[in-house]
């Protein structure tokens, strides 16, 4: 076993701290074994998979919100369905409430031309 103040002990402590930080960011319980450097490698590999999962969840939320907003726009008359053709005004304004870390919630408007959204 390494002495408490040895470079090996310091490196091991640093690996364990890094593992704890990664686990905290990924919202998982850290897994510590007798080999802190291997623990770090294992946890570092989890970052990519968790990032993909989070990205897909945010895509899913965006698709859901977009679909609901599009249906609402049809019901409110902002978009009009005539036969098999969907008509839109030249300018489309979509309002959402956003909040970024450290900020308060605020309304944000995004303005699109109908062409940007696939209308002719």
N, C-alpha and C. Protein backbone atom coordinates (compact mmCIF):
# COMPACT_ATOMS: atom_id res chain seq x y z
N UNK A 1 0.85 -1.18 0.00
CA UNK A 1 0.00 0.00 0.00
C UNK A 1 0.89 1.24 0.00
N UNK A 2 0.49 2.27 -0.73
CA UNK A 2 1.27 3.50 -0.83
C UNK A 2 1.17 4.32 0.45
N UNK A 3 2.26 5.01 0.75
CA UNK A 3 2.26 5.89 1.92
C UNK A 3 1.31 7.05 1.68
N UNK A 4 0.78 7.61 2.76
CA UNK A 4 -0.24 8.65 2.69
C UNK A 4 0.21 9.86 1.87
N UNK A 5 1.46 10.29 1.98
CA UNK A 5 1.93 11.49 1.29
C UNK A 5 2.74 11.19 0.04
N UNK A 6 2.72 9.96 -0.43
CA UNK A 6 3.51 9.58 -1.60
C UNK A 6 2.82 10.07 -2.88
N UNK A 7 3.59 10.19 -3.97
CA UNK A 7 3.00 10.59 -5.25
C UNK A 7 1.91 9.61 -5.72
N UNK A 8 2.07 8.33 -5.43
CA UNK A 8 1.06 7.33 -5.82
C UNK A 8 -0.24 7.59 -5.08
N UNK A 9 -0.15 7.86 -3.80
CA UNK A 9 -1.35 8.14 -3.01
C UNK A 9 -2.03 9.42 -3.50
N UNK A 10 -1.23 10.40 -3.83
CA UNK A 10 -1.80 11.65 -4.34
C UNK A 10 -2.50 11.42 -5.67
N UNK A 11 -1.88 10.64 -6.55
CA UNK A 11 -2.48 10.34 -7.84
C UNK A 11 -3.79 9.58 -7.65
N UNK A 12 -3.78 8.60 -6.76
CA UNK A 12 -4.99 7.82 -6.49
C UNK A 12 -6.11 8.71 -5.96
N UNK A 13 -5.77 9.61 -5.06
CA UNK A 13 -6.77 10.53 -4.51
C UNK A 13 -7.33 11.43 -5.61
N UNK A 14 -6.46 11.87 -6.50
CA UNK A 14 -6.89 12.72 -7.61
C UNK A 14 -7.82 11.95 -8.55
N UNK A 15 -7.47 10.70 -8.86
CA UNK A 15 -8.34 9.86 -9.68
C UNK A 15 -9.71 9.69 -9.04
N UNK A 16 -9.71 9.42 -7.74
CA UNK A 16 -10.98 9.23 -7.04
C UNK A 16 -11.82 10.51 -7.07
N UNK A 17 -11.17 11.65 -6.88
CA UNK A 17 -11.89 12.93 -6.93
C UNK A 17 -12.47 13.15 -8.32
N UNK A 18 -11.69 12.82 -9.35
CA UNK A 18 -12.18 12.96 -10.73
C UNK A 18 -13.37 12.04 -10.98
N UNK A 19 -13.29 10.81 -10.50
CA UNK A 19 -14.39 9.86 -10.64
C UNK A 19 -15.64 10.40 -9.95
N UNK A 20 -15.48 10.95 -8.76
CA UNK A 20 -16.63 11.51 -8.03
C UNK A 20 -17.24 12.68 -8.80
N UNK A 21 -16.40 13.52 -9.39
CA UNK A 21 -16.88 14.67 -10.15
C UNK A 21 -17.65 14.21 -11.39
N UNK A 22 -17.11 13.24 -12.11
CA UNK A 22 -17.80 12.71 -13.29
C UNK A 22 -19.13 12.08 -12.90
N UNK A 23 -19.11 11.25 -11.86
CA UNK A 23 -20.32 10.58 -11.42
C UNK A 23 -21.39 11.60 -11.01
N UNK A 24 -20.96 12.66 -10.33
CA UNK A 24 -21.90 13.70 -9.93
C UNK A 24 -22.52 14.38 -11.15
N UNK A 25 -21.70 14.69 -12.14
CA UNK A 25 -22.20 15.34 -13.36
C UNK A 25 -23.15 14.43 -14.13
N UNK A 26 -22.89 13.13 -14.12
CA UNK A 26 -23.73 12.16 -14.82
C UNK A 26 -24.92 11.70 -13.98
N UNK A 27 -24.95 12.15 -12.73
CA UNK A 27 -26.02 11.80 -11.79
C UNK A 27 -26.10 10.28 -11.58
N UNK A 28 -24.92 9.69 -11.34
CA UNK A 28 -24.84 8.27 -11.03
C UNK A 28 -24.00 8.09 -9.77
N UNK A 29 -24.08 6.92 -9.18
CA UNK A 29 -23.24 6.63 -8.02
C UNK A 29 -21.84 6.26 -8.51
N UNK A 30 -20.79 6.84 -7.92
CA UNK A 30 -19.43 6.51 -8.35
C UNK A 30 -19.09 5.07 -7.98
N UNK A 31 -18.35 4.42 -8.84
CA UNK A 31 -17.90 3.05 -8.59
C UNK A 31 -16.41 3.09 -8.32
N UNK A 32 -16.01 2.76 -7.09
CA UNK A 32 -14.60 2.77 -6.72
C UNK A 32 -14.13 1.34 -6.48
N UNK A 33 -13.01 0.99 -7.10
CA UNK A 33 -12.39 -0.32 -6.88
C UNK A 33 -11.00 -0.08 -6.29
N UNK A 34 -10.18 -1.10 -6.31
CA UNK A 34 -8.80 -0.97 -5.81
C UNK A 34 -7.92 -0.23 -6.82
N UNK A 35 -8.43 0.02 -8.03
CA UNK A 35 -7.62 0.59 -9.10
C UNK A 35 -8.23 1.91 -9.58
N UNK A 36 -7.91 3.02 -8.92
CA UNK A 36 -8.52 4.31 -9.25
C UNK A 36 -8.33 4.74 -10.70
N UNK A 37 -7.19 4.43 -11.32
CA UNK A 37 -7.00 4.85 -12.72
C UNK A 37 -7.96 4.11 -13.64
N UNK A 38 -8.25 2.84 -13.36
CA UNK A 38 -9.21 2.09 -14.15
C UNK A 38 -10.63 2.60 -13.90
N UNK A 39 -10.90 2.99 -12.66
CA UNK A 39 -12.21 3.58 -12.34
C UNK A 39 -12.43 4.84 -13.17
N UNK A 40 -11.38 5.64 -13.28
CA UNK A 40 -11.49 6.88 -14.08
C UNK A 40 -11.78 6.54 -15.53
N UNK A 41 -11.07 5.57 -16.09
CA UNK A 41 -11.30 5.17 -17.48
C UNK A 41 -12.74 4.71 -17.68
N UNK A 42 -13.23 3.90 -16.76
CA UNK A 42 -14.60 3.39 -16.84
C UNK A 42 -15.62 4.53 -16.83
N UNK A 43 -15.45 5.45 -15.91
CA UNK A 43 -16.39 6.56 -15.79
C UNK A 43 -16.28 7.52 -16.98
N UNK A 44 -15.08 7.72 -17.50
CA UNK A 44 -14.91 8.59 -18.66
C UNK A 44 -15.65 8.02 -19.87
N UNK A 45 -15.67 6.70 -20.01
CA UNK A 45 -16.39 6.07 -21.12
C UNK A 45 -17.90 6.29 -21.01
N UNK A 46 -18.40 6.47 -19.80
CA UNK A 46 -19.83 6.69 -19.60
C UNK A 46 -20.29 8.06 -20.08
N UNK A 47 -19.38 9.01 -20.16
CA UNK A 47 -19.74 10.37 -20.54
C UNK A 47 -20.40 10.39 -21.91
N UNK A 48 -19.81 9.73 -22.88
CA UNK A 48 -20.37 9.72 -24.23
C UNK A 48 -21.78 9.16 -24.26
N UNK A 49 -21.99 8.04 -23.60
CA UNK A 49 -23.31 7.40 -23.62
C UNK A 49 -24.35 8.27 -22.93
N UNK A 50 -24.01 8.86 -21.80
CA UNK A 50 -24.95 9.73 -21.09
C UNK A 50 -25.26 10.98 -21.92
N UNK A 51 -24.24 11.51 -22.62
CA UNK A 51 -24.46 12.68 -23.46
C UNK A 51 -25.43 12.35 -24.59
N UNK A 52 -25.28 11.17 -25.19
CA UNK A 52 -26.20 10.75 -26.25
C UNK A 52 -27.61 10.62 -25.71
N UNK A 53 -27.74 10.00 -24.53
CA UNK A 53 -29.06 9.83 -23.94
C UNK A 53 -29.72 11.18 -23.68
N UNK A 54 -28.96 12.11 -23.12
CA UNK A 54 -29.51 13.44 -22.85
C UNK A 54 -29.88 14.16 -24.14
N UNK A 55 -29.02 14.08 -25.16
CA UNK A 55 -29.31 14.74 -26.44
C UNK A 55 -30.59 14.17 -27.04
N UNK A 56 -30.74 12.86 -27.03
CA UNK A 56 -31.95 12.24 -27.59
C UNK A 56 -33.18 12.64 -26.79
N UNK A 57 -33.06 12.76 -25.49
CA UNK A 57 -34.20 13.18 -24.68
C UNK A 57 -34.59 14.62 -25.03
N UNK A 58 -33.60 15.49 -25.25
CA UNK A 58 -33.93 16.88 -25.62
C UNK A 58 -34.50 16.97 -27.03
N UNK A 59 -34.03 16.12 -27.95
CA UNK A 59 -34.65 16.06 -29.29
C UNK A 59 -36.11 15.64 -29.15
N UNK A 60 -36.34 14.61 -28.34
CA UNK A 60 -37.70 14.12 -28.13
C UNK A 60 -38.60 15.23 -27.57
N UNK A 61 -38.12 15.94 -26.58
CA UNK A 61 -38.90 17.04 -26.00
C UNK A 61 -39.18 18.12 -27.05
N UNK A 62 -38.18 18.43 -27.86
CA UNK A 62 -38.36 19.44 -28.90
C UNK A 62 -39.38 19.01 -29.94
N UNK A 63 -39.32 17.75 -30.35
CA UNK A 63 -40.29 17.23 -31.31
C UNK A 63 -41.71 17.28 -30.74
N UNK A 64 -41.82 16.89 -29.48
CA UNK A 64 -43.13 16.91 -28.83
C UNK A 64 -43.67 18.33 -28.76
N UNK A 65 -42.83 19.26 -28.32
CA UNK A 65 -43.26 20.66 -28.21
C UNK A 65 -43.62 21.22 -29.59
N UNK A 66 -42.81 20.91 -30.59
CA UNK A 66 -43.09 21.40 -31.94
C UNK A 66 -44.40 20.88 -32.49
N UNK A 67 -44.66 19.59 -32.27
CA UNK A 67 -45.91 19.00 -32.74
C UNK A 67 -47.11 19.65 -32.07
N UNK A 68 -47.03 19.82 -30.76
CA UNK A 68 -48.13 20.45 -30.02
C UNK A 68 -48.33 21.88 -30.50
N UNK A 69 -47.25 22.64 -30.69
CA UNK A 69 -47.36 24.02 -31.16
C UNK A 69 -47.96 24.08 -32.56
N UNK A 70 -47.57 23.14 -33.43
CA UNK A 70 -48.12 23.13 -34.79
C UNK A 70 -49.62 22.84 -34.75
N UNK A 71 -50.04 21.89 -33.93
CA UNK A 71 -51.47 21.59 -33.81
C UNK A 71 -52.22 22.80 -33.26
N UNK A 72 -51.64 23.45 -32.23
CA UNK A 72 -52.26 24.65 -31.69
C UNK A 72 -52.38 25.74 -32.74
N UNK A 73 -51.35 25.91 -33.57
CA UNK A 73 -51.38 26.93 -34.62
C UNK A 73 -52.49 26.66 -35.63
N UNK A 74 -52.74 25.40 -35.92
CA UNK A 74 -53.84 25.06 -36.83
C UNK A 74 -55.17 25.38 -36.17
N UNK A 75 -55.32 24.97 -34.90
CA UNK A 75 -56.58 25.22 -34.19
C UNK A 75 -56.85 26.71 -34.01
N UNK A 76 -55.79 27.50 -33.82
CA UNK A 76 -55.95 28.94 -33.62
C UNK A 76 -56.06 29.71 -34.93
N UNK A 77 -55.87 29.03 -36.05
CA UNK A 77 -55.99 29.67 -37.35
C UNK A 77 -54.72 30.32 -37.86
N UNK A 78 -53.60 30.17 -37.15
CA UNK A 78 -52.33 30.71 -37.62
C UNK A 78 -51.82 29.93 -38.83
N UNK A 79 -52.09 28.65 -38.86
CA UNK A 79 -51.83 27.79 -40.02
C UNK A 79 -53.18 27.30 -40.49
N UNK A 80 -53.33 27.16 -41.81
CA UNK A 80 -54.63 26.77 -42.34
C UNK A 80 -54.49 25.58 -43.26
N UNK A 81 -55.30 24.57 -43.02
CA UNK A 81 -55.31 23.37 -43.85
C UNK A 81 -56.49 23.44 -44.80
N UNK A 82 -56.18 23.45 -46.10
CA UNK A 82 -57.22 23.44 -47.13
C UNK A 82 -56.96 22.22 -48.01
N UNK A 83 -57.84 21.25 -47.90
CA UNK A 83 -57.63 20.01 -48.65
C UNK A 83 -56.39 19.32 -48.10
N UNK A 84 -55.44 19.09 -48.98
CA UNK A 84 -54.17 18.46 -48.58
C UNK A 84 -53.03 19.46 -48.50
N UNK A 85 -53.35 20.76 -48.46
CA UNK A 85 -52.32 21.78 -48.44
C UNK A 85 -52.40 22.59 -47.15
N UNK A 86 -51.24 22.78 -46.53
CA UNK A 86 -51.15 23.57 -45.31
C UNK A 86 -50.58 24.93 -45.67
N UNK A 87 -51.29 26.00 -45.32
CA UNK A 87 -50.88 27.35 -45.63
C UNK A 87 -50.39 28.05 -44.37
N UNK A 88 -49.38 28.92 -44.55
CA UNK A 88 -48.81 29.66 -43.42
C UNK A 88 -48.62 31.12 -43.83
N UNK A 89 -48.62 32.02 -42.84
CA UNK A 89 -48.31 33.41 -43.16
C UNK A 89 -46.84 33.54 -43.55
N UNK A 90 -46.47 34.68 -44.14
CA UNK A 90 -45.08 34.91 -44.57
C UNK A 90 -44.10 34.86 -43.41
N UNK A 91 -44.56 35.37 -42.25
CA UNK A 91 -43.70 35.42 -41.07
C UNK A 91 -44.37 34.63 -39.94
N UNK A 92 -43.61 33.75 -39.32
CA UNK A 92 -44.13 32.93 -38.23
C UNK A 92 -43.31 33.23 -36.98
N UNK A 93 -43.99 33.61 -35.90
CA UNK A 93 -43.33 33.92 -34.63
C UNK A 93 -43.67 32.82 -33.63
N UNK A 94 -42.62 32.21 -33.08
CA UNK A 94 -42.81 31.17 -32.08
C UNK A 94 -42.21 31.67 -30.77
N UNK A 95 -43.05 31.71 -29.74
CA UNK A 95 -42.60 32.19 -28.42
C UNK A 95 -42.41 31.00 -27.49
N UNK A 96 -41.31 31.01 -26.78
CA UNK A 96 -41.04 29.98 -25.77
C UNK A 96 -40.50 30.65 -24.52
N UNK A 97 -40.63 29.96 -23.43
CA UNK A 97 -40.06 30.44 -22.17
C UNK A 97 -38.75 29.68 -21.97
N UNK A 98 -37.66 30.42 -21.75
CA UNK A 98 -36.34 29.79 -21.61
C UNK A 98 -35.71 30.20 -20.28
N UNK A 99 -34.81 29.33 -19.82
CA UNK A 99 -34.03 29.64 -18.62
C UNK A 99 -32.70 28.94 -18.76
N UNK A 100 -31.65 29.69 -18.59
CA UNK A 100 -30.31 29.13 -18.62
C UNK A 100 -29.74 29.16 -17.22
N UNK A 101 -28.78 28.32 -16.99
CA UNK A 101 -28.19 28.21 -15.66
C UNK A 101 -27.77 29.59 -15.15
N UNK A 102 -28.24 29.93 -13.97
CA UNK A 102 -27.89 31.20 -13.36
C UNK A 102 -28.80 32.35 -13.76
N UNK A 103 -29.69 32.14 -14.72
CA UNK A 103 -30.61 33.19 -15.17
C UNK A 103 -32.02 32.91 -14.69
N UNK A 104 -32.86 33.94 -14.78
CA UNK A 104 -34.28 33.79 -14.52
C UNK A 104 -34.97 33.37 -15.81
N UNK A 105 -36.15 32.81 -15.69
CA UNK A 105 -36.94 32.46 -16.88
C UNK A 105 -37.32 33.73 -17.61
N UNK A 106 -37.32 33.63 -18.92
CA UNK A 106 -37.74 34.77 -19.73
C UNK A 106 -38.36 34.27 -21.02
N UNK A 107 -39.20 35.10 -21.60
CA UNK A 107 -39.81 34.75 -22.88
C UNK A 107 -38.84 35.09 -24.01
N UNK A 108 -38.80 34.21 -24.99
CA UNK A 108 -37.93 34.42 -26.15
C UNK A 108 -38.76 34.16 -27.39
N UNK A 109 -38.70 35.09 -28.35
CA UNK A 109 -39.41 34.91 -29.61
C UNK A 109 -38.43 34.56 -30.71
N UNK A 110 -38.81 33.59 -31.51
CA UNK A 110 -38.05 33.22 -32.69
C UNK A 110 -38.91 33.53 -33.90
N UNK A 111 -38.36 34.24 -34.85
CA UNK A 111 -39.10 34.62 -36.05
C UNK A 111 -38.54 33.84 -37.23
N UNK A 112 -39.45 33.20 -37.96
CA UNK A 112 -39.08 32.41 -39.13
C UNK A 112 -39.87 32.90 -40.33
N UNK A 113 -39.26 32.86 -41.48
CA UNK A 113 -40.04 33.08 -42.70
C UNK A 113 -40.73 31.77 -43.01
N UNK A 114 -41.84 31.83 -43.72
CA UNK A 114 -42.55 30.60 -44.04
C UNK A 114 -41.67 29.66 -44.87
N UNK A 115 -40.78 30.24 -45.70
CA UNK A 115 -39.88 29.43 -46.52
C UNK A 115 -38.90 28.62 -45.66
N UNK A 116 -38.44 29.25 -44.54
CA UNK A 116 -37.52 28.54 -43.65
C UNK A 116 -38.14 27.27 -43.07
N UNK A 117 -39.46 27.27 -42.93
CA UNK A 117 -40.16 26.13 -42.33
C UNK A 117 -40.74 25.19 -43.37
N UNK A 118 -40.35 25.39 -44.62
CA UNK A 118 -40.75 24.45 -45.67
C UNK A 118 -42.00 24.83 -46.43
N UNK A 119 -42.53 26.04 -46.23
CA UNK A 119 -43.69 26.50 -46.97
C UNK A 119 -43.21 27.24 -48.20
N UNK A 120 -44.04 27.19 -49.26
CA UNK A 120 -43.69 27.89 -50.51
C UNK A 120 -44.58 29.06 -50.73
